[in-house]
Amino acid sequence: MAMKTTVSPLTDFQFNIHLPKIQPMSLNSSYALPLPFSVRCNQNLPLHFRRRFLHSSVIQRRRSLPSTCFVSDGTAYNVEAKATTDDLSLEVKKKAMDVAPELKGTSIFLVGINSSLKTKLGKLLADMLRYYYFDSDGLVVEASGGVAAAKLYKESDENGFRASETEVLKQLSSMGRLVVCAGNGAVRSSTNLALLRHGITLWIDIPLQIIAEEFAEDRGQLPVFDISTSGSYSEVLGQITSLYQEIKVGYATADASISLQKLASTLGYDDFNAVTTEDMALEALKEIEKLIRVKKMMEAAAKPF
């Protein structure tokens, strides 16, 4: 007789986190914030967005060095592009240093259809703000015993699986100094949306065609519970579009949105792929800064004379 496989609910799941002391950030020093968790999710994701040289007008605006240099063996390399990237990274660090004290440890939740750009952005923001990074779907996978077990859990007990997603968000929202890439389930219920209100929520709005292309190129890059990645590009795009239509109302409740399409237009890029993670991070930090400013104004207006 065949044995029936069952997966236990994760409502008793607890994190085993050991947070090391965070050293002060220096603009003149490089650093890498270690992930201090037994759960380490999606650390080797391939980057499918091909980074091209920046639009000429943007290069002119940020130009600081000649375009080409030659090393001792005669090999030429592009210094201008390197300088542009370094300047932008420094700009992101400076903005993070301005924003971090005002955040006072408030966590940041990134919502939106999962993609490698969203993951890269979450990790960069955590690094710049000296926060810790989590992927909520990755935690569900870890607690389930792997991607296959998590998918089996969802298929056999949809309600239990959703309860597990809520439990993960509940524990994450009770902590501070986190950047969390929240899965699609984070915006499916009023309970989950209320948990996200414990921090600042940013909707990372990426064109669905780009996300579908990512999945078509690498089927196993991210834990996916809501779509099947075994189909063709058009089939995957159709599933992602249906998913988006189903949960876009939840995305609209975010405190602010970071749109790849709008950012590319603002920066004068002809190609979405030219938008770097640093561009996205700088825009996110600016939006966070605006939200903090508005909150201060509201608090000041509420004080009695």
C-alpha atoms as a PDB file:
ATOM      1  CA  MET A   1       0.000   0.000   0.000  1.00  0.00           C
ATOM      2  CA  ALA A   2       1.391   3.410  -0.969  1.00  0.00           C
ATOM      3  CA  MET A   3       2.166   5.724   1.903  1.00  0.00           C
ATOM      4  CA  LYS A   4       0.465   9.130   1.997  1.00  0.00           C
ATOM      5  CA  THR A   5       2.857  12.023   2.422  1.00  0.00           C
ATOM      6  CA  THR A   6       1.761  14.860   4.658  1.00  0.00           C
ATOM      7  CA  VAL A   7       3.404  18.093   5.631  1.00  0.00           C
ATOM      8  CA  SER A   8       2.799  19.600   9.039  1.00  0.00           C
ATOM      9  CA  PRO A   9       1.588  23.195   9.359  1.00  0.00           C
ATOM     10  CA  LEU A  10       4.285  25.724  10.170  1.00  0.00           C
ATOM     11  CA  THR A  11       2.360  27.769  12.713  1.00  0.00           C
ATOM     12  CA  ASP A  12       4.844  26.811  15.438  1.00  0.00           C
ATOM     13  CA  PHE A  13       7.848  27.709  13.293  1.00  0.00           C
ATOM     14  CA  GLN A  14      10.403  29.851  15.150  1.00  0.00           C
ATOM     15  CA  PHE A  15      13.471  31.600  13.824  1.00  0.00           C
ATOM     16  CA  ASN A  16      16.907  30.807  15.122  1.00  0.00           C
ATOM     17  CA  ILE A  17      18.525  34.193  14.676  1.00  0.00           C
ATOM     18  CA  HIS A  18      21.813  35.397  16.099  1.00  0.00           C
ATOM     19  CA  LEU A  19      22.315  39.037  15.231  1.00  0.00           C
ATOM     20  CA  PRO A  20      25.963  40.161  15.325  1.00  0.00           C
ATOM     21  CA  LYS A  21      26.892  43.666  16.356  1.00  0.00           C
ATOM     22  CA  ILE A  22      26.685  46.077  13.438  1.00  0.00           C
ATOM     23  CA  GLN A  23      29.669  48.325  12.936  1.00  0.00           C
ATOM     24  CA  PRO A  24      29.132  52.013  12.058  1.00  0.00           C
ATOM     25  CA  MET A  25      29.106  52.682   8.331  1.00  0.00           C
ATOM     26  CA  SER A  26      31.900  54.668   6.759  1.00  0.00           C
ATOM     27  CA  LEU A  27      31.730  56.187   3.311  1.00  0.00           C
ATOM     28  CA  ASN A  28      35.420  55.499   2.839  1.00  0.00           C
ATOM     29  CA  SER A  29      35.326  51.828   3.681  1.00  0.00           C
ATOM     30  CA  SER A  30      33.827  48.856   1.907  1.00  0.00           C
ATOM     31  CA  TYR A  31      31.811  46.340   3.860  1.00  0.00           C
ATOM     32  CA  ALA A  32      29.535  43.365   3.418  1.00  0.00           C
ATOM     33  CA  LEU A  33      26.795  42.727   5.939  1.00  0.00           C
ATOM     34  CA  PRO A  34      26.892  39.010   6.794  1.00  0.00           C
ATOM     35  CA  LEU A  35      23.645  37.099   6.868  1.00  0.00           C
ATOM     36  CA  PRO A  36      23.580  35.932  10.505  1.00  0.00           C
ATOM     37  CA  PHE A  37      20.946  33.291  10.014  1.00  0.00           C
ATOM     38  CA  SER A  38      20.826  29.523   9.641  1.00  0.00           C
ATOM     39  CA  VAL A  39      18.362  30.282   6.853  1.00  0.00           C
ATOM     40  CA  ARG A  40      20.246  31.647   3.859  1.00  0.00           C
ATOM     41  CA  CYS A  41      17.964  31.988   0.855  1.00  0.00           C
ATOM     42  CA  ASN A  42      18.628  32.705  -2.803  1.00  0.00           C
ATOM     43  CA  GLN A  43      22.224  33.849  -2.369  1.00  0.00           C
ATOM     44  CA  ASN A  44      23.429  32.686  -5.776  1.00  0.00           C
ATOM     45  CA  LEU A  45      20.730  34.084  -8.016  1.00  0.00           C
ATOM     46  CA  PRO A  46      21.898  34.719 -11.583  1.00  0.00           C
ATOM     47  CA  LEU A  47      21.495  38.286 -12.763  1.00  0.00           C
ATOM     48  CA  HIS A  48      19.421  38.213 -15.932  1.00  0.00           C
ATOM     49  CA  PHE A  49      19.218  41.921 -16.445  1.00  0.00           C
ATOM     50  CA  ARG A  50      22.082  42.725 -18.828  1.00  0.00           C
ATOM     51  CA  ARG A  51      23.662  45.971 -17.680  1.00  0.00           C
ATOM     52  CA  ARG A  52      24.405  48.237 -20.585  1.00  0.00           C
ATOM     53  CA  PHE A  53      26.295  51.504 -20.663  1.00  0.00           C
ATOM     54  CA  LEU A  54      24.213  54.359 -19.385  1.00  0.00           C
ATOM     55  CA  HIS A  55      22.371  56.709 -21.691  1.00  0.00           C
ATOM     56  CA  SER A  56      24.721  59.346 -23.089  1.00  0.00           C
ATOM     57  CA  SER A  57      22.946  62.264 -21.384  1.00  0.00           C
ATOM     58  CA  VAL A  58      23.237  60.568 -18.015  1.00  0.00           C
ATOM     59  CA  ILE A  59      26.911  59.808 -18.607  1.00  0.00           C
ATOM     60  CA  GLN A  60      27.492  63.492 -19.404  1.00  0.00           C
ATOM     61  CA  ARG A  61      25.695  64.497 -16.219  1.00  0.00           C
ATOM     62  CA  ARG A  62      27.876  62.225 -14.067  1.00  0.00           C
ATOM     63  CA  ARG A  63      31.118  62.356 -16.041  1.00  0.00           C
ATOM     64  CA  SER A  64      34.311  62.672 -14.006  1.00  0.00           C
ATOM     65  CA  LEU A  65      37.057  60.722 -15.800  1.00  0.00           C
ATOM     66  CA  PRO A  66      38.215  60.074 -19.373  1.00  0.00           C
ATOM     67  CA  SER A  67      36.406  57.241 -21.071  1.00  0.00           C
ATOM     68  CA  THR A  68      39.353  54.939 -21.790  1.00  0.00           C
ATOM     69  CA  CYS A  69      42.598  54.032 -20.045  1.00  0.00           C
ATOM     70  CA  PHE A  70      45.324  51.540 -20.893  1.00  0.00           C
ATOM     71  CA  VAL A  71      46.996  49.213 -18.416  1.00  0.00           C
ATOM     72  CA  SER A  72      50.626  48.134 -18.682  1.00  0.00           C
ATOM     73  CA  ASP A  73      49.903  45.327 -21.133  1.00  0.00           C
ATOM     74  CA  GLY A  74      48.072  47.691 -23.466  1.00  0.00           C
ATOM     75  CA  THR A  75      44.567  46.473 -22.595  1.00  0.00           C
ATOM     76  CA  ALA A  76      41.944  49.196 -22.704  1.00  0.00           C
ATOM     77  CA  TYR A  77      39.097  49.393 -20.252  1.00  0.00           C
ATOM     78  CA  ASN A  78      36.250  51.819 -19.690  1.00  0.00           C
ATOM     79  CA  VAL A  79      37.026  54.036 -16.710  1.00  0.00           C
ATOM     80  CA  GLU A  80      34.074  56.304 -17.335  1.00  0.00           C
ATOM     81  CA  ALA A  81      31.538  53.521 -16.764  1.00  0.00           C
ATOM     82  CA  LYS A  82      33.426  52.448 -13.638  1.00  0.00           C
ATOM     83  CA  ALA A  83      33.479  56.008 -12.323  1.00  0.00           C
ATOM     84  CA  THR A  84      29.782  56.418 -13.052  1.00  0.00           C
ATOM     85  CA  THR A  85      28.939  53.264 -11.132  1.00  0.00           C
ATOM     86  CA  ASP A  86      31.163  54.251  -8.226  1.00  0.00           C
ATOM     87  CA  ASP A  87      29.652  57.734  -8.088  1.00  0.00           C
ATOM     88  CA  LEU A  88      26.151  56.297  -8.010  1.00  0.00           C
ATOM     89  CA  SER A  89      27.113  53.809  -5.284  1.00  0.00           C
ATOM     90  CA  LEU A  90      28.545  56.654  -3.224  1.00  0.00           C
ATOM     91  CA  GLU A  91      25.354  58.633  -3.758  1.00  0.00           C
ATOM     92  CA  VAL A  92      23.306  55.683  -2.503  1.00  0.00           C
ATOM     93  CA  LYS A  93      25.527  55.347   0.580  1.00  0.00           C
ATOM     94  CA  LYS A  94      25.195  59.046   1.383  1.00  0.00           C
ATOM     95  CA  LYS A  95      21.425  58.929   1.060  1.00  0.00           C
ATOM     96  CA  ALA A  96      21.303  55.816   3.250  1.00  0.00           C
ATOM     97  CA  MET A  97      23.346  57.591   5.923  1.00  0.00           C
ATOM     98  CA  ASP A  98      20.835  60.454   5.882  1.00  0.00           C
ATOM     99  CA  VAL A  99      17.811  58.168   6.035  1.00  0.00           C
ATOM    100  CA  ALA A 100      19.001  55.491   8.493  1.00  0.00           C
ATOM    101  CA  PRO A 101      18.904  57.627  11.692  1.00  0.00           C
ATOM    102  CA  GLU A 102      15.424  58.870  10.833  1.00  0.00           C
ATOM    103  CA  LEU A 103      14.135  55.341  10.302  1.00  0.00           C
ATOM    104  CA  LYS A 104      14.914  54.469  13.936  1.00  0.00           C
ATOM    105  CA  GLY A 105      15.003  50.772  13.135  1.00  0.00           C
ATOM    106  CA  THR A 106      11.714  50.653  11.230  1.00  0.00           C
ATOM    107  CA  SER A 107      11.641  47.598   8.968  1.00  0.00           C
ATOM    108  CA  ILE A 108      11.090  47.814   5.219  1.00  0.00           C
ATOM    109  CA  PHE A 109       8.885  45.354   3.333  1.00  0.00           C
ATOM    110  CA  LEU A 110       9.240  44.995  -0.430  1.00  0.00           C
ATOM    111  CA  VAL A 111       6.135  43.677  -2.171  1.00  0.00           C
ATOM    112  CA  GLY A 112       5.556  42.917  -5.835  1.00  0.00           C
ATOM    113  CA  ILE A 113       5.831  39.895  -8.107  1.00  0.00           C
ATOM    114  CA  ASN A 114       9.038  38.063  -7.215  1.00  0.00           C
ATOM    115  CA  SER A 115      12.037  38.767  -9.451  1.00  0.00           C
ATOM    116  CA  SER A 116      15.818  38.808  -9.223  1.00  0.00           C
ATOM    117  CA  LEU A 117      15.791  42.632  -9.359  1.00  0.00           C
ATOM    118  CA  LYS A 118      13.509  42.783  -6.316  1.00  0.00           C
ATOM    119  CA  THR A 119      15.850  40.398  -4.477  1.00  0.00           C
ATOM    120  CA  LYS A 120      18.963  42.349  -5.467  1.00  0.00           C
ATOM    121  CA  LEU A 121      17.313  45.584  -4.387  1.00  0.00           C
ATOM    122  CA  GLY A 122      16.357  44.131  -0.996  1.00  0.00           C
ATOM    123  CA  LYS A 123      19.885  42.947  -0.320  1.00  0.00           C
ATOM    124  CA  LEU A 124      21.424  46.255  -1.403  1.00  0.00           C
ATOM    125  CA  LEU A 125      19.057  48.284   0.792  1.00  0.00           C
ATOM    126  CA  ALA A 126      19.853  46.035   3.754  1.00  0.00           C
ATOM    127  CA  ASP A 127      23.558  46.500   3.092  1.00  0.00           C
ATOM    128  CA  MET A 128      23.332  50.284   2.767  1.00  0.00           C
ATOM    129  CA  LEU A 129      21.110  50.761   5.832  1.00  0.00           C
ATOM    130  CA  ARG A 130      23.023  48.216   7.945  1.00  0.00           C
ATOM    131  CA  TYR A 131      19.840  46.171   8.223  1.00  0.00           C
ATOM    132  CA  TYR A 132      19.305  42.418   7.962  1.00  0.00           C
ATOM    133  CA  TYR A 133      17.783  40.759   4.923  1.00  0.00           C
ATOM    134  CA  PHE A 134      15.026  38.135   4.818  1.00  0.00           C
ATOM    135  CA  ASP A 135      13.031  36.510   2.048  1.00  0.00           C
ATOM    136  CA  SER A 136       9.658  35.447   3.466  1.00  0.00           C
ATOM    137  CA  ASP A 137       9.084  32.770   0.808  1.00  0.00           C
ATOM    138  CA  GLY A 138      12.568  31.453   1.482  1.00  0.00           C
ATOM    139  CA  LEU A 139      11.720  31.074   5.160  1.00  0.00           C
ATOM    140  CA  VAL A 140       8.575  29.108   4.318  1.00  0.00           C
ATOM    141  CA  VAL A 141      10.634  26.859   2.042  1.00  0.00           C
ATOM    142  CA  GLU A 142      13.277  26.345   4.737  1.00  0.00           C
ATOM    143  CA  ALA A 143      10.708  25.461   7.372  1.00  0.00           C
ATOM    144  CA  SER A 144       8.918  23.094   4.984  1.00  0.00           C
ATOM    145  CA  GLY A 145      12.063  21.168   4.183  1.00  0.00           C
ATOM    146  CA  GLY A 146      12.678  22.429   0.654  1.00  0.00           C
ATOM    147  CA  VAL A 147      10.899  23.784  -2.406  1.00  0.00           C
ATOM    148  CA  ALA A 148       9.305  20.461  -3.340  1.00  0.00           C
ATOM    149  CA  ALA A 149       7.926  19.973   0.179  1.00  0.00           C
ATOM    150  CA  ALA A 150       6.601  23.541   0.274  1.00  0.00           C
ATOM    151  CA  LYS A 151       4.772  23.091  -3.026  1.00  0.00           C
ATOM    152  CA  LEU A 152       3.345  19.774  -1.818  1.00  0.00           C
ATOM    153  CA  TYR A 153       2.187  21.490   1.365  1.00  0.00           C
ATOM    154  CA  LYS A 154       0.399  24.175  -0.639  1.00  0.00           C
ATOM    155  CA  GLU A 155      -1.273  21.626  -2.917  1.00  0.00           C
ATOM    156  CA  SER A 156      -2.430  19.417  -0.041  1.00  0.00           C
ATOM    157  CA  ASP A 157      -3.445  22.143   2.422  1.00  0.00           C
ATOM    158  CA  GLU A 158      -3.931  25.588   0.886  1.00  0.00           C
ATOM    159  CA  ASN A 159      -5.321  27.117   4.079  1.00  0.00           C
ATOM    160  CA  GLY A 160      -2.503  25.707   6.211  1.00  0.00           C
ATOM    161  CA  PHE A 161       0.074  27.007   3.763  1.00  0.00           C
ATOM    162  CA  ARG A 162      -1.415  30.503   3.829  1.00  0.00           C
ATOM    163  CA  ALA A 163      -1.458  30.354   7.637  1.00  0.00           C
ATOM    164  CA  SER A 164       2.249  29.548   7.509  1.00  0.00           C
ATOM    165  CA  GLU A 165       2.916  32.594   5.341  1.00  0.00           C
ATOM    166  CA  THR A 166       1.025  34.708   7.872  1.00  0.00           C
ATOM    167  CA  GLU A 167       3.018  33.250  10.777  1.00  0.00           C
ATOM    168  CA  VAL A 168       6.293  34.090   9.027  1.00  0.00           C
ATOM    169  CA  LEU A 169       5.133  37.681   8.441  1.00  0.00           C
ATOM    170  CA  LYS A 170       3.930  37.917  12.039  1.00  0.00           C
ATOM    171  CA  GLN A 171       7.355  37.050  13.393  1.00  0.00           C
ATOM    172  CA  LEU A 172       9.195  39.259  10.927  1.00  0.00           C
ATOM    173  CA  SER A 173       6.932  42.230  11.648  1.00  0.00           C
ATOM    174  CA  SER A 174       7.649  41.910  15.370  1.00  0.00           C
ATOM    175  CA  MET A 175      11.332  42.591  14.726  1.00  0.00           C
ATOM    176  CA  GLY A 176      13.186  45.716  13.649  1.00  0.00           C
ATOM    177  CA  ARG A 177      16.064  46.648  11.350  1.00  0.00           C
ATOM    178  CA  LEU A 178      14.953  44.261   8.614  1.00  0.00           C
ATOM    179  CA  VAL A 179      14.543  44.522   4.868  1.00  0.00           C
ATOM    180  CA  VAL A 180      12.068  41.824   3.867  1.00  0.00           C
ATOM    181  CA  CYS A 181      11.311  40.655   0.347  1.00  0.00           C
ATOM    182  CA  ALA A 182       7.722  39.611   0.960  1.00  0.00           C
ATOM    183  CA  GLY A 183       6.177  36.853  -1.145  1.00  0.00           C
ATOM    184  CA  ASN A 184       2.984  37.142  -3.130  1.00  0.00           C
ATOM    185  CA  GLY A 185       0.989  35.784  -0.195  1.00  0.00           C
ATOM    186  CA  ALA A 186       1.852  38.888   1.831  1.00  0.00           C
ATOM    187  CA  VAL A 187      -0.870  40.928   0.118  1.00  0.00           C
ATOM    188  CA  ARG A 188      -3.547  38.235  -0.146  1.00  0.00           C
ATOM    189  CA  SER A 189      -5.310  38.854   3.162  1.00  0.00           C
ATOM    190  CA  SER A 190      -6.227  41.783   5.391  1.00  0.00           C
ATOM    191  CA  THR A 191      -4.325  40.094   8.240  1.00  0.00           C
ATOM    192  CA  ASN A 192      -1.099  40.054   6.250  1.00  0.00           C
ATOM    193  CA  LEU A 193      -1.593  43.630   5.057  1.00  0.00           C
ATOM    194  CA  ALA A 194      -2.061  44.721   8.677  1.00  0.00           C
ATOM    195  CA  LEU A 195       1.225  43.032   9.612  1.00  0.00           C
ATOM    196  CA  LEU A 196       3.009  44.929   6.846  1.00  0.00           C
ATOM    197  CA  ARG A 197       1.835  48.180   8.472  1.00  0.00           C
ATOM    198  CA  HIS A 198       4.383  47.551  11.248  1.00  0.00           C
ATOM    199  CA  GLY A 199       6.991  48.806   8.785  1.00  0.00           C
ATOM    200  CA  ILE A 200       7.318  50.769   5.557  1.00  0.00           C
ATOM    201  CA  THR A 201       5.965  48.952   2.505  1.00  0.00           C
ATOM    202  CA  LEU A 202       7.356  49.600  -0.977  1.00  0.00           C
ATOM    203  CA  TRP A 203       5.767  48.162  -4.108  1.00  0.00           C
ATOM    204  CA  ILE A 204       8.529  47.146  -6.527  1.00  0.00           C
ATOM    205  CA  ASP A 205       6.653  47.492  -9.809  1.00  0.00           C
ATOM    206  CA  ILE A 206       8.448  45.658 -12.614  1.00  0.00           C
ATOM    207  CA  PRO A 207       6.908  45.038 -16.067  1.00  0.00           C
ATOM    208  CA  LEU A 208       5.406  41.548 -16.147  1.00  0.00           C
ATOM    209  CA  GLN A 209       7.089  40.753 -19.456  1.00  0.00           C
ATOM    210  CA  ILE A 210      10.508  41.159 -17.850  1.00  0.00           C
ATOM    211  CA  ILE A 211       9.560  38.880 -14.955  1.00  0.00           C
ATOM    212  CA  ALA A 212       8.173  36.238 -17.327  1.00  0.00           C
ATOM    213  CA  GLU A 213      11.384  36.378 -19.368  1.00  0.00           C
ATOM    214  CA  GLU A 214      13.399  35.796 -16.196  1.00  0.00           C
ATOM    215  CA  PHE A 215      11.413  32.710 -15.288  1.00  0.00           C
ATOM    216  CA  ALA A 216      11.632  31.417 -18.845  1.00  0.00           C
ATOM    217  CA  GLU A 217      15.430  31.720 -18.758  1.00  0.00           C
ATOM    218  CA  ASP A 218      15.893  30.133 -15.325  1.00  0.00           C
ATOM    219  CA  ARG A 219      13.021  28.047 -13.986  1.00  0.00           C
ATOM    220  CA  GLY A 220      14.524  27.461 -10.562  1.00  0.00           C
ATOM    221  CA  GLN A 221      15.828  30.907  -9.613  1.00  0.00           C
ATOM    222  CA  LEU A 222      13.145  31.713  -6.986  1.00  0.00           C
ATOM    223  CA  PRO A 223      10.622  29.731  -4.934  1.00  0.00           C
ATOM    224  CA  VAL A 224       7.355  30.036  -6.835  1.00  0.00           C
ATOM    225  CA  PHE A 225       4.097  28.817  -5.334  1.00  0.00           C
ATOM    226  CA  ASP A 226       1.480  30.601  -7.432  1.00  0.00           C
ATOM    227  CA  ILE A 227       2.553  29.810 -10.988  1.00  0.00           C
ATOM    228  CA  SER A 228       3.884  26.824 -12.889  1.00  0.00           C
ATOM    229  CA  THR A 229       7.262  27.486 -14.453  1.00  0.00           C
ATOM    230  CA  SER A 230       7.193  24.432 -16.697  1.00  0.00           C
ATOM    231  CA  GLY A 231       5.350  26.154 -19.548  1.00  0.00           C
ATOM    232  CA  SER A 232       6.535  28.343 -22.382  1.00  0.00           C
ATOM    233  CA  TYR A 233       7.217  32.058 -22.042  1.00  0.00           C
ATOM    234  CA  SER A 234       3.706  32.960 -23.195  1.00  0.00           C
ATOM    235  CA  GLU A 235       2.160  30.499 -20.717  1.00  0.00           C
ATOM    236  CA  VAL A 236       4.254  31.836 -17.849  1.00  0.00           C
ATOM    237  CA  LEU A 237       3.373  35.411 -18.820  1.00  0.00           C
ATOM    238  CA  GLY A 238      -0.310  34.491 -18.822  1.00  0.00           C
ATOM    239  CA  GLN A 239      -0.050  32.995 -15.332  1.00  0.00           C
ATOM    240  CA  ILE A 240       1.873  35.974 -13.974  1.00  0.00           C
ATOM    241  CA  THR A 241      -0.651  38.367 -15.508  1.00  0.00           C
ATOM    242  CA  SER A 242      -3.542  36.477 -13.902  1.00  0.00           C
ATOM    243  CA  LEU A 243      -1.749  36.479 -10.554  1.00  0.00           C
ATOM    244  CA  TYR A 244      -1.078  40.208 -10.839  1.00  0.00           C
ATOM    245  CA  GLN A 245      -4.707  40.971 -11.611  1.00  0.00           C
ATOM    246  CA  GLU A 246      -5.723  38.917  -8.577  1.00  0.00           C
ATOM    247  CA  ILE A 247      -3.522  40.646  -6.014  1.00  0.00           C
ATOM    248  CA  LYS A 248      -2.757  44.098  -7.464  1.00  0.00           C
ATOM    249  CA  VAL A 249      -5.238  45.678  -5.043  1.00  0.00           C
ATOM    250  CA  GLY A 250      -2.963  44.562  -2.220  1.00  0.00           C
ATOM    251  CA  TYR A 251       0.057  46.096  -3.925  1.00  0.00           C
ATOM    252  CA  ALA A 252      -1.796  49.407  -4.183  1.00  0.00           C
ATOM    253  CA  THR A 253      -1.904  49.619  -0.357  1.00  0.00           C
ATOM    254  CA  ALA A 254       1.881  50.036  -0.191  1.00  0.00           C
ATOM    255  CA  ASP A 255       3.217  53.282   1.242  1.00  0.00           C
ATOM    256  CA  ALA A 256       5.042  54.041  -2.013  1.00  0.00           C
ATOM    257  CA  SER A 257       5.861  52.409  -5.330  1.00  0.00           C
ATOM    258  CA  ILE A 258       9.142  52.079  -7.196  1.00  0.00           C
ATOM    259  CA  SER A 259       8.287  51.657 -10.874  1.00  0.00           C
ATOM    260  CA  LEU A 260      11.022  50.379 -13.173  1.00  0.00           C
ATOM    261  CA  GLN A 261       9.244  51.866 -16.170  1.00  0.00           C
ATOM    262  CA  LYS A 262       8.850  55.330 -14.619  1.00  0.00           C
ATOM    263  CA  LEU A 263      12.411  55.342 -13.303  1.00  0.00           C
ATOM    264  CA  ALA A 264      13.825  54.441 -16.724  1.00  0.00           C
ATOM    265  CA  SER A 265      11.858  57.308 -18.267  1.00  0.00           C
ATOM    266  CA  THR A 266      12.978  59.757 -15.573  1.00  0.00           C
ATOM    267  CA  LEU A 267      16.642  58.851 -16.015  1.00  0.00           C
ATOM    268  CA  GLY A 268      16.409  59.052 -19.797  1.00  0.00           C
ATOM    269  CA  TYR A 269      17.158  55.363 -20.411  1.00  0.00           C
ATOM    270  CA  ASP A 270      15.999  53.849 -23.681  1.00  0.00           C
ATOM    271  CA  ASP A 271      16.122  50.348 -22.225  1.00  0.00           C
ATOM    272  CA  PHE A 272      14.729  49.028 -18.921  1.00  0.00           C
ATOM    273  CA  ASN A 273      17.856  46.875 -18.622  1.00  0.00           C
ATOM    274  CA  ALA A 274      19.955  50.029 -18.236  1.00  0.00           C
ATOM    275  CA  VAL A 275      18.339  50.730 -14.847  1.00  0.00           C
ATOM    276  CA  THR A 276      20.747  49.425 -12.218  1.00  0.00           C
ATOM    277  CA  THR A 277      20.014  48.134  -8.749  1.00  0.00           C
ATOM    278  CA  GLU A 278      21.711  51.277  -7.422  1.00  0.00           C
ATOM    279  CA  ASP A 279      19.252  53.423  -9.402  1.00  0.00           C
ATOM    280  CA  MET A 280      16.376  51.521  -7.824  1.00  0.00           C
ATOM    281  CA  ALA A 281      17.910  51.742  -4.345  1.00  0.00           C
ATOM    282  CA  LEU A 282      18.412  55.500  -4.590  1.00  0.00           C
ATOM    283  CA  GLU A 283      14.805  55.955  -5.676  1.00  0.00           C
ATOM    284  CA  ALA A 284      13.607  53.728  -2.817  1.00  0.00           C
ATOM    285  CA  LEU A 285      15.604  55.714  -0.261  1.00  0.00           C
ATOM    286  CA  LYS A 286      14.195  58.981  -1.610  1.00  0.00           C
ATOM    287  CA  GLU A 287      10.654  57.618  -1.240  1.00  0.00           C
ATOM    288  CA  ILE A 288      11.404  56.451   2.310  1.00  0.00           C
ATOM    289  CA  GLU A 289      12.772  59.907   3.099  1.00  0.00           C
ATOM    290  CA  LYS A 290       9.539  61.504   1.830  1.00  0.00           C
ATOM    291  CA  LEU A 291       7.426  59.151   3.953  1.00  0.00           C
ATOM    292  CA  ILE A 292       9.433  59.990   7.068  1.00  0.00           C
ATOM    293  CA  ARG A 293       9.055  63.712   6.365  1.00  0.00           C
ATOM    294  CA  VAL A 294       5.277  63.383   5.971  1.00  0.00           C
ATOM    295  CA  LYS A 295       5.043  61.368   9.183  1.00  0.00           C
ATOM    296  CA  LYS A 296       6.934  64.079  11.082  1.00  0.00           C
ATOM    297  CA  MET A 297       4.621  66.753   9.713  1.00  0.00           C
ATOM    298  CA  MET A 298       1.559  64.780  10.763  1.00  0.00           C
ATOM    299  CA  GLU A 299       2.960  64.203  14.237  1.00  0.00           C
ATOM    300  CA  ALA A 300       3.766  67.900  14.595  1.00  0.00           C
ATOM    301  CA  ALA A 301       0.250  68.865  13.475  1.00  0.00           C
ATOM    302  CA  ALA A 302      -1.277  66.513  16.047  1.00  0.00           C
ATOM    303  CA  LYS A 303       0.553  68.121  18.981  1.00  0.00           C
ATOM    304  CA  PRO A 304      -1.541  70.449  21.163  1.00  0.00           C
ATOM    305  CA  PHE A 305      -0.697  74.135  21.272  1.00  0.00           C
END
